[in-house]
Protein backbone atom coordinates (compact mmCIF):
# COMPACT_ATOMS: atom_id res chain seq x y z
CA MET A 1 51.99 55.86 -52.32
CA ALA A 2 51.64 57.49 -48.91
CA PHE A 3 48.86 58.05 -46.42
CA SER A 4 48.78 61.14 -44.22
CA ILE A 5 45.97 62.01 -41.83
CA LYS A 6 46.35 65.38 -40.19
CA ALA A 7 43.84 64.99 -37.38
CA LEU A 8 43.02 61.35 -36.81
CA SER A 9 41.00 60.70 -33.68
CA PHE A 10 42.20 57.76 -31.66
CA SER A 11 38.70 56.33 -31.23
CA HIS A 12 39.34 54.41 -34.44
CA HIS A 13 38.30 50.85 -35.18
CA ILE A 14 40.76 48.37 -36.56
CA ILE A 15 39.00 46.39 -39.29
CA SER A 16 41.23 43.86 -41.05
CA GLY A 17 43.98 46.30 -41.75
CA SER A 18 42.00 49.46 -42.37
CA THR A 19 41.48 52.48 -40.16
CA ARG A 20 37.88 53.61 -39.96
CA ASN A 21 36.79 56.64 -38.01
CA PRO A 22 33.65 58.69 -38.55
CA ASN A 23 35.20 61.70 -36.82
CA VAL A 24 38.08 62.20 -39.25
CA ASP A 25 37.66 65.53 -41.01
CA THR A 26 40.08 64.84 -43.79
CA LYS A 27 39.19 62.89 -46.90
CA PRO A 28 39.94 59.15 -46.55
CA ALA A 29 42.83 57.75 -48.51
CA ALA A 30 42.00 55.81 -51.67
CA ALA A 31 43.33 52.55 -50.26
CA SER A 32 42.87 51.59 -46.65
CA VAL A 33 45.31 48.76 -46.05
CA VAL A 34 48.41 50.51 -44.85
CA SER A 35 50.50 48.08 -42.91
CA LEU A 36 51.89 44.74 -43.98
CA PRO A 37 53.16 44.96 -47.56
CA VAL A 38 52.10 41.47 -48.47
CA ILE A 39 49.45 41.72 -51.18
CA PRO A 40 49.34 43.75 -54.39
CA GLN A 41 46.66 46.10 -53.05
CA THR A 42 48.86 47.30 -50.20
CA PRO A 43 51.04 50.43 -50.44
CA SER A 44 54.74 50.24 -51.17
CA ASP A 45 57.10 49.38 -48.31
CA SER A 46 57.96 53.03 -47.87
CA ALA A 47 54.37 54.04 -47.17
CA ALA A 48 52.98 54.50 -43.71
CA LEU A 49 49.83 55.88 -42.16
CA THR A 50 51.04 59.01 -40.42
CA ILE A 51 49.37 60.42 -37.34
CA LYS A 52 50.40 64.06 -37.28
CA LYS A 53 48.30 65.14 -34.32
CA PRO A 54 50.47 64.90 -31.18
CA LEU A 55 49.31 62.21 -28.81
CA SER A 56 49.53 64.64 -25.93
CA THR A 57 46.49 66.45 -27.34
CA VAL A 58 44.39 63.30 -27.48
CA LYS A 59 42.43 61.98 -24.52
CA SER A 60 43.90 58.78 -23.21
CA PRO A 61 42.98 56.41 -20.36
CA VAL A 62 46.61 56.54 -19.20
CA LYS A 63 46.98 59.92 -17.50
CA THR A 64 49.70 59.24 -14.98
CA VAL A 65 52.49 56.77 -14.48
CA GLY A 66 50.94 55.13 -11.43
CA LYS A 67 51.63 51.52 -10.53
CA THR A 68 48.13 50.37 -11.48
CA GLU A 69 47.74 52.55 -14.56
CA ILE A 70 51.00 51.94 -16.39
CA LEU A 71 49.96 48.47 -17.59
CA LYS A 72 46.26 49.25 -18.02
CA SER A 73 45.45 48.17 -21.56
CA ILE A 74 43.52 45.66 -23.60
CA PRO A 75 45.38 42.76 -25.26
CA GLY A 76 47.49 43.96 -28.15
CA LYS A 77 47.19 47.62 -27.20
CA PHE A 78 49.63 49.70 -25.17
CA GLY A 79 47.72 52.86 -24.56
CA LYS A 80 46.93 53.88 -28.13
CA PHE A 81 49.79 51.92 -29.68
CA GLY A 82 49.85 48.43 -31.18
CA GLY A 83 46.84 46.74 -32.72
CA LYS A 84 46.34 44.60 -35.82
CA TYR A 85 46.56 46.67 -38.99
CA VAL A 86 46.65 43.73 -41.35
CA PRO A 87 44.87 42.34 -44.41
CA GLU A 88 41.84 40.12 -43.77
CA THR A 89 43.84 37.04 -44.79
CA LEU A 90 45.99 37.36 -41.66
CA ILE A 91 43.29 37.94 -39.04
CA THR A 92 42.45 34.26 -38.56
CA CYS A 93 46.11 33.24 -38.58
CA LEU A 94 47.01 35.83 -35.96
CA GLY A 95 44.00 34.78 -33.91
CA LYS A 96 45.21 31.17 -33.86
CA LEU A 97 48.70 32.32 -32.89
CA GLU A 98 47.34 34.46 -30.06
CA ALA A 99 45.27 31.55 -28.76
CA GLU A 100 48.29 29.23 -28.82
CA PHE A 101 50.44 31.87 -27.11
CA ASN A 102 47.87 32.25 -24.33
CA LEU A 103 47.75 28.48 -23.89
CA VAL A 104 51.51 27.98 -23.55
CA LEU A 105 51.72 30.74 -20.96
CA HIS A 106 49.70 28.50 -18.63
CA ASP A 107 50.89 25.12 -19.87
CA SER A 108 53.17 23.68 -17.20
CA GLU A 109 54.59 21.07 -19.58
CA PHE A 110 55.57 23.70 -22.16
CA GLN A 111 57.01 25.99 -19.51
CA GLU A 112 59.07 23.18 -18.01
CA GLU A 113 60.38 22.17 -21.43
CA LEU A 114 61.29 25.79 -22.21
CA ALA A 115 62.99 26.31 -18.84
CA THR A 116 65.04 23.16 -19.35
CA ALA A 117 66.09 24.24 -22.85
CA LEU A 118 67.02 27.72 -21.65
CA ARG A 119 69.19 26.18 -18.94
CA ASP A 120 70.79 23.25 -20.77
CA TYR A 121 70.86 24.50 -24.39
CA VAL A 122 71.01 28.28 -24.14
CA GLY A 123 73.12 28.39 -20.98
CA ARG A 124 70.91 30.50 -18.74
CA GLU A 125 71.02 32.10 -16.34
CA THR A 126 73.46 34.70 -17.62
CA PRO A 127 75.68 36.48 -15.08
CA LEU A 128 75.04 39.91 -13.61
CA TYR A 129 78.68 40.93 -13.76
CA PHE A 130 80.20 43.70 -11.65
CA ALA A 131 82.42 45.71 -14.00
CA GLN A 132 85.06 46.83 -11.52
CA ARG A 133 87.40 48.65 -13.92
CA LEU A 134 84.55 50.30 -15.79
CA THR A 135 83.17 51.41 -12.43
CA ASN A 136 86.56 52.87 -11.52
CA HIS A 137 86.70 54.65 -14.87
CA TYR A 138 83.63 56.68 -13.93
CA LYS A 139 84.67 57.62 -10.41
CA ASN A 140 85.20 61.33 -9.78
CA SER A 141 88.21 62.99 -8.17
CA HIS A 142 86.85 62.03 -4.74
CA GLY A 143 86.70 58.37 -5.67
CA GLU A 144 82.91 58.40 -5.86
CA GLY A 145 80.60 57.15 -8.55
CA PRO A 146 77.96 54.58 -9.45
CA GLY A 147 78.53 50.84 -9.47
CA ILE A 148 78.15 49.39 -12.98
CA TYR A 149 76.86 45.88 -13.58
CA LEU A 150 76.56 44.16 -16.95
CA LYS A 151 73.77 41.70 -17.73
CA ARG A 152 75.75 39.25 -19.88
CA GLU A 153 73.31 38.24 -22.62
CA ASP A 154 76.36 37.98 -24.87
CA LEU A 155 77.14 34.69 -23.13
CA ASN A 156 74.00 32.98 -24.39
CA HIS A 157 74.33 30.24 -27.01
CA GLY A 158 74.53 32.06 -30.33
CA GLY A 159 75.97 35.17 -28.73
CA ALA A 160 72.89 37.28 -28.04
CA HIS A 161 69.59 37.62 -26.23
CA LYS A 162 67.76 36.62 -29.43
CA ILE A 163 67.86 32.89 -28.63
CA ASN A 164 65.49 33.35 -25.66
CA ASN A 165 62.62 34.26 -27.95
CA ALA A 166 63.64 32.25 -31.01
CA LEU A 167 63.69 28.97 -29.12
CA ALA A 168 60.32 29.59 -27.45
CA GLN A 169 58.61 30.57 -30.69
CA ALA A 170 60.11 27.65 -32.58
CA MET A 171 58.62 25.39 -29.91
CA ILE A 172 55.23 27.03 -30.46
CA ALA A 173 55.56 26.58 -34.22
CA LYS A 174 56.23 22.86 -33.81
CA ARG A 175 53.35 22.58 -31.37
CA MET A 176 51.07 24.15 -34.00
CA GLY A 177 52.21 21.64 -36.61
CA ARG A 178 54.18 24.09 -38.71
CA LYS A 179 56.95 22.50 -40.76
CA SER A 180 58.96 25.55 -41.86
CA ILE A 181 60.11 28.80 -40.29
CA VAL A 182 60.64 32.12 -42.04
CA ALA A 183 62.40 35.03 -40.36
CA ALA A 184 64.17 38.29 -41.10
CA THR A 185 67.40 39.50 -39.55
CA GLY A 186 69.52 42.63 -39.56
CA ALA A 187 72.76 42.09 -37.69
CA GLY A 188 72.29 38.35 -38.06
CA GLN A 189 71.91 37.55 -34.36
CA HIS A 190 68.22 36.70 -34.68
CA GLY A 191 69.02 34.74 -37.82
CA VAL A 192 71.62 32.66 -36.02
CA ALA A 193 69.30 32.12 -33.07
CA THR A 194 66.41 31.06 -35.31
CA ALA A 195 68.61 28.75 -37.38
CA ALA A 196 69.94 27.11 -34.21
CA ALA A 197 66.45 26.63 -32.77
CA CYS A 198 65.24 25.13 -36.05
CA ALA A 199 68.19 22.76 -36.20
CA LYS A 200 67.46 21.62 -32.65
CA LEU A 201 63.76 21.08 -33.36
CA ASN A 202 64.10 19.68 -36.91
CA LEU A 203 62.31 22.54 -38.68
CA ASP A 204 63.06 23.95 -42.11
CA CYS A 205 64.43 27.48 -41.87
CA THR A 206 64.60 30.39 -44.33
CA ILE A 207 66.21 33.65 -43.25
CA PHE A 208 65.74 36.88 -45.23
CA MET A 209 68.54 39.40 -44.87
CA GLY A 210 69.42 42.67 -46.56
CA ALA A 211 72.25 42.32 -49.08
CA THR A 212 74.17 45.19 -47.51
CA ASP A 213 73.76 43.63 -44.06
CA MET A 214 75.02 40.30 -45.37
CA GLU A 215 78.26 41.98 -46.41
CA LYS A 216 78.69 43.66 -43.02
CA GLN A 217 77.81 40.56 -41.02
CA ALA A 218 79.40 37.83 -43.15
CA SER A 219 80.39 35.72 -40.13
CA ASN A 220 76.77 35.41 -39.02
CA VAL A 221 75.65 34.54 -42.55
CA LEU A 222 78.15 31.68 -42.51
CA LEU A 223 76.85 30.47 -39.16
CA MET A 224 73.25 30.48 -40.38
CA LYS A 225 74.21 28.37 -43.40
CA LEU A 226 76.21 25.96 -41.25
CA LEU A 227 73.15 25.55 -39.04
CA GLY A 228 71.16 24.46 -42.08
CA ALA A 229 69.24 27.64 -42.84
CA GLN A 230 68.61 28.95 -46.32
CA VAL A 231 69.68 32.60 -46.39
CA GLU A 232 67.83 34.75 -48.93
CA PRO A 233 69.41 38.10 -49.85
CA VAL A 234 67.07 41.07 -50.23
CA ASP A 235 67.82 44.41 -51.83
CA GLY A 236 68.06 46.91 -48.97
CA THR A 237 68.33 46.46 -45.22
CA PHE A 238 66.39 44.94 -42.34
CA LYS A 239 63.09 46.68 -43.05
CA ASP A 240 63.14 45.29 -46.59
CA ALA A 241 64.07 41.82 -45.36
CA SER A 242 61.13 41.97 -42.92
CA SER A 243 58.74 42.75 -45.76
CA GLU A 244 60.04 39.84 -47.83
CA ALA A 245 59.78 37.43 -44.90
CA ILE A 246 56.17 38.47 -44.33
CA ARG A 247 55.36 37.95 -48.01
CA ALA A 248 56.87 34.46 -47.90
CA TRP A 249 54.88 33.62 -44.78
CA VAL A 250 51.57 34.84 -46.22
CA GLY A 251 52.08 32.59 -49.22
CA GLU A 252 52.23 29.50 -46.98
CA LEU A 253 50.08 30.32 -43.96
CA GLU A 254 49.00 26.75 -43.27
CA THR A 255 52.48 25.24 -43.20
CA SER A 256 54.92 28.05 -42.32
CA TYR A 257 55.51 30.21 -39.25
CA TYR A 258 56.84 33.77 -39.21
CA LEU A 259 59.26 33.95 -36.30
CA THR A 260 59.77 37.57 -35.42
CA GLY A 261 62.70 38.56 -33.25
CA THR A 262 61.69 42.19 -32.83
CA ALA A 263 59.02 43.68 -30.60
CA VAL A 264 57.13 45.13 -33.56
CA GLY A 265 54.32 44.00 -35.85
CA PRO A 266 50.66 43.12 -35.27
CA HIS A 267 49.43 41.60 -32.03
CA PRO A 268 50.40 39.13 -30.59
CA CYS A 269 53.95 39.43 -32.04
CA PRO A 270 55.25 42.29 -29.82
CA SER A 271 53.79 40.71 -26.69
CA MET A 272 55.28 37.33 -27.50
CA VAL A 273 58.77 38.71 -28.02
CA ARG A 274 58.59 40.75 -24.84
CA GLU A 275 57.25 37.83 -22.81
CA PHE A 276 59.99 35.45 -23.91
CA GLN A 277 62.68 38.09 -23.37
CA SER A 278 61.39 39.07 -19.92
CA VAL A 279 63.54 36.30 -18.46
CA ILE A 280 66.35 38.90 -18.61
CA GLY A 281 64.67 41.23 -16.13
CA LYS A 282 63.42 38.44 -13.91
CA GLU A 283 66.94 37.10 -13.52
CA THR A 284 68.28 40.61 -12.96
CA ARG A 285 65.86 41.23 -10.08
CA ARG A 286 66.80 37.96 -8.38
CA GLN A 287 70.53 38.45 -8.95
CA ALA A 288 70.44 42.02 -7.66
CA MET A 289 68.73 40.86 -4.49
CA GLU A 290 71.44 38.24 -4.03
CA LYS A 291 74.31 40.68 -4.70
CA TRP A 292 73.27 43.77 -2.76
CA GLY A 293 69.87 43.02 -1.26
CA GLY A 294 67.79 45.34 -3.40
CA LYS A 295 66.71 46.40 -6.86
CA PRO A 296 68.84 48.16 -9.46
CA ASP A 297 68.53 51.94 -9.38
CA VAL A 298 69.02 52.43 -13.12
CA LEU A 299 68.54 50.12 -16.10
CA VAL A 300 70.18 50.95 -19.44
CA ALA A 301 69.65 49.20 -22.78
CA CYS A 302 70.01 50.01 -26.46
CA ILE A 303 66.85 50.56 -28.48
CA GLY A 304 66.33 49.24 -31.98
CA SER A 305 62.81 47.88 -32.01
CA GLY A 306 62.97 47.23 -28.28
CA SER A 307 63.32 43.48 -27.69
CA ASN A 308 66.37 43.56 -25.42
CA ALA A 309 65.27 46.74 -23.65
CA LEU A 310 61.81 45.37 -22.90
CA GLY A 311 63.40 42.12 -21.81
CA LEU A 312 65.26 44.03 -19.10
CA PHE A 313 62.64 46.72 -18.36
CA HIS A 314 59.39 44.77 -18.19
CA GLU A 315 60.02 43.17 -14.83
CA PHE A 316 60.53 46.62 -13.28
CA ILE A 317 57.81 48.70 -14.95
CA LYS A 318 55.72 48.87 -11.76
CA ASP A 319 58.78 49.78 -9.67
CA GLU A 320 58.61 53.53 -10.05
CA ASP A 321 61.86 53.98 -8.11
CA VAL A 322 63.75 52.11 -10.86
CA ARG A 323 64.88 54.45 -13.63
CA MET A 324 64.72 52.96 -17.14
CA ILE A 325 66.85 54.42 -19.95
CA GLY A 326 66.77 53.41 -23.60
CA VAL A 327 69.56 54.52 -25.95
CA GLU A 328 68.87 54.90 -29.67
CA ALA A 329 71.30 55.15 -32.56
CA ALA A 330 72.11 58.78 -33.42
CA GLY A 331 74.29 57.67 -36.34
CA PHE A 332 76.09 60.70 -37.78
CA GLY A 333 74.02 62.96 -35.50
CA LEU A 334 70.34 63.66 -34.92
CA ASP A 335 70.38 66.57 -37.35
CA SER A 336 72.30 64.72 -40.05
CA GLY A 337 69.40 62.72 -41.46
CA LYS A 338 71.61 59.64 -41.02
CA HIS A 339 70.38 58.04 -37.80
CA ALA A 340 67.91 55.50 -36.41
CA ALA A 341 66.57 57.60 -33.52
CA THR A 342 62.88 56.85 -34.00
CA LEU A 343 61.73 58.10 -30.61
CA ALA A 344 63.76 61.30 -30.83
CA ARG A 345 62.84 62.24 -34.41
CA GLY A 346 59.85 60.10 -35.39
CA ASP A 347 56.10 60.61 -35.71
CA VAL A 348 53.26 58.25 -34.86
CA GLY A 349 52.09 56.06 -37.72
CA VAL A 350 51.28 52.53 -38.85
CA TYR A 351 53.86 50.25 -40.41
CA HIS A 352 54.30 46.48 -40.56
CA GLY A 353 50.98 45.92 -38.84
CA ALA A 354 50.95 48.16 -35.76
CA MET A 355 50.80 51.77 -34.61
CA SER A 356 54.03 53.12 -33.16
CA TYR A 357 56.64 55.83 -33.65
CA LEU A 358 58.22 55.80 -37.12
CA LEU A 359 60.90 57.64 -39.06
CA GLN A 360 58.97 59.26 -41.90
CA ASP A 361 58.79 62.40 -43.99
CA GLU A 362 55.93 64.89 -44.28
CA GLU A 363 54.25 62.70 -46.89
CA GLY A 364 54.31 59.65 -44.64
CA GLN A 365 57.10 57.96 -46.60
CA ILE A 366 59.39 55.79 -44.48
CA LEU A 367 62.90 57.18 -44.14
CA GLY A 368 65.91 54.92 -44.39
CA PRO A 369 67.55 54.56 -40.96
CA HIS A 370 71.31 54.46 -40.37
CA SER A 371 73.44 53.06 -37.58
CA ILE A 372 76.87 51.48 -37.36
CA GLY A 373 75.05 48.87 -35.26
CA VAL A 374 73.18 47.08 -38.04
CA GLY A 375 70.67 45.61 -35.60
CA LEU A 376 69.43 49.11 -34.78
CA GLU A 377 68.67 50.01 -38.40
CA TYR A 378 64.87 49.82 -38.34
CA PRO A 379 62.62 52.84 -39.06
CA GLY A 380 60.20 52.06 -36.25
CA VAL A 381 60.03 50.93 -32.66
CA GLY A 382 57.73 48.57 -30.80
CA PRO A 383 54.32 49.73 -29.55
CA GLU A 384 55.15 49.00 -25.91
CA VAL A 385 58.30 51.10 -26.14
CA SER A 386 56.24 53.87 -27.77
CA PHE A 387 53.86 53.67 -24.82
CA LEU A 388 56.70 53.91 -22.30
CA LYS A 389 57.86 57.07 -24.03
CA GLU A 390 54.39 58.60 -24.19
CA THR A 391 53.63 57.97 -20.51
CA GLY A 392 57.10 59.08 -19.42
CA ARG A 393 57.75 55.81 -17.58
CA ALA A 394 61.04 55.38 -19.45
CA GLU A 395 63.42 57.97 -20.82
CA PHE A 396 65.19 57.78 -24.13
CA HIS A 397 68.50 59.21 -25.31
CA SER A 398 70.86 58.53 -28.19
CA ALA A 399 74.51 57.83 -29.00
CA THR A 400 76.36 58.44 -32.26
CA ASP A 401 78.37 55.94 -34.27
CA LYS A 402 81.59 57.43 -32.91
CA GLU A 403 80.38 57.25 -29.32
CA ALA A 404 79.37 53.62 -29.79
CA VAL A 405 82.75 52.67 -31.28
CA ASP A 406 84.53 54.43 -28.42
CA ALA A 407 82.38 52.50 -25.91
CA TYR A 408 83.09 49.22 -27.72
CA ARG A 409 86.83 49.79 -27.44
CA ARG A 410 86.54 50.98 -23.85
CA LEU A 411 84.83 47.80 -22.68
CA CYS A 412 87.33 45.66 -24.58
CA GLN A 413 90.28 47.37 -22.92
CA LEU A 414 88.87 47.79 -19.42
CA GLU A 415 86.94 44.54 -18.96
CA GLY A 416 88.10 42.19 -21.71
CA ILE A 417 84.57 41.95 -23.08
CA PHE A 418 83.56 42.43 -26.72
CA PRO A 419 80.08 44.03 -26.78
CA ALA A 420 77.97 44.07 -29.92
CA LEU A 421 77.93 47.52 -31.50
CA GLU A 422 74.23 47.63 -30.71
CA ALA A 423 74.90 47.19 -26.98
CA ALA A 424 77.81 49.63 -27.23
CA HIS A 425 75.24 52.41 -27.72
CA ALA A 426 73.93 51.72 -24.21
CA LEU A 427 77.47 51.68 -22.85
CA ALA A 428 78.21 54.96 -24.62
CA TYR A 429 75.51 56.78 -22.68
CA LEU A 430 77.33 56.02 -19.43
CA GLU A 431 79.69 58.89 -20.35
CA LYS A 432 76.84 61.35 -19.85
CA LEU A 433 74.88 59.47 -17.23
CA CYS A 434 77.48 58.50 -14.64
CA PRO A 435 78.65 62.02 -13.69
CA THR A 436 75.03 62.86 -12.75
CA LEU A 437 74.46 59.90 -10.41
CA PRO A 438 74.94 59.78 -6.62
CA HIS A 439 77.73 57.68 -5.21
CA GLY A 440 76.81 54.00 -4.95
CA THR A 441 73.98 54.07 -7.48
CA LYS A 442 73.49 50.58 -8.89
CA VAL A 443 73.42 50.71 -12.71
CA VAL A 444 72.65 47.63 -14.85
CA VAL A 445 73.52 47.74 -18.56
CA ASN A 446 72.15 45.05 -20.84
CA ILE A 447 74.94 43.64 -23.02
CA SER A 448 72.49 42.29 -25.56
CA GLY A 449 75.04 40.57 -27.79
CA ARG A 450 78.62 39.56 -28.41
CA GLY A 451 80.74 41.87 -30.53
CA ASP A 452 83.25 39.70 -32.37
CA LYS A 453 80.92 40.04 -35.40
CA ASP A 454 81.68 43.79 -35.35
CA ALA A 455 85.44 43.70 -34.78
CA ALA A 456 86.31 44.36 -38.43
CA ILE A 457 83.89 47.31 -38.58
CA VAL A 458 85.37 48.86 -35.44
CA ASN A 459 88.90 48.29 -36.68
CA VAL A 460 88.40 50.31 -39.87
CA PHE A 461 86.09 52.97 -38.40
CA GLN A 462 87.27 56.47 -39.37
CA TYR A 463 86.78 59.26 -36.86
């Protein structure tokens, strides 16, 4: 089942998961719930509400990328993206979560407890590391080039940025009296982070993971089990695991908590993930000031759903002189049909509870994404990232599997650092970016995770 609306006005009203608009010329679809595949009346997981009318032709309150206008939005909406496209059964639950989220943002006791845990348990702050040999690699024949710094999220406990958010949300879950956590993971980094946080806080933990991903990321599956989590295999990949995790959560709303690690889904989920990951950018600003007395000139991060990119970018959104670059997974190539480049090849639609860019066909059916970096294999992207694309505040490019593997090996050999294949996509774009930059430009690349989990994949990769 698919839903396609050729000329949907954006003055719609979100009503418990349906899209209602008196100005739509086309005939309404037979069923209106189009987002979270959690009840029998919803469409299949492959279905999405597709907005075929380009956003550029629709009037929007965001007309420029000015400092005051870029963040002008109502809660849960980023321009025309985001929202709560969910069944009625979830509205109250999400409302309670939003209220609790707003409380902890201003609760000094919670913030102090979180800061202490991030320091003593996670190991923050992470270094802003000057990559001397990588910098030399990109110097031209005159010995000129940008300076490259790596934000070392790979050094966090658990090996990735995911623990920043997982720990904070697990604390919220316990505060709300929830006894069990459900989550979905792709590359396994969010699964490991969630399992660790649950072990620390004495919470039951169930992780849903695609069967194919479990084979690729066997080391992380083992870690999750050692941390006490129950790992449930799901036919398919991360998008399918996400659907199963949501179904499990909906069945136990009063006792369980859905801990999302991606900046997607209905409000307040994307805002929560971004808020708890924004520590990355805040540290980067402070560290840059200490190292060279100013801000970075360019920020680079890989883009799956957007959690690590937003974590780095958000602090600098109002700094228009800071260039922000997201790098998607081009897989076998953008024209191959085997990629996860949602922003480059996607259309606007509704999936898993929010409006954003999605990979979908003409009928609105979700297309299966591909990337050698399993954590990038999601057919959508977060609403805030979609907004950054639409306003032009950030730019987005892509890197192929081969380019990512080359970048992985390059960082290993030049700096002795194993980057996750996801982060290697950001590193890969330096090949095209660095020759265009003035001498002395300060470039910060977010190394979102550690890459020992990917060593076997890289070792057998065929060019």
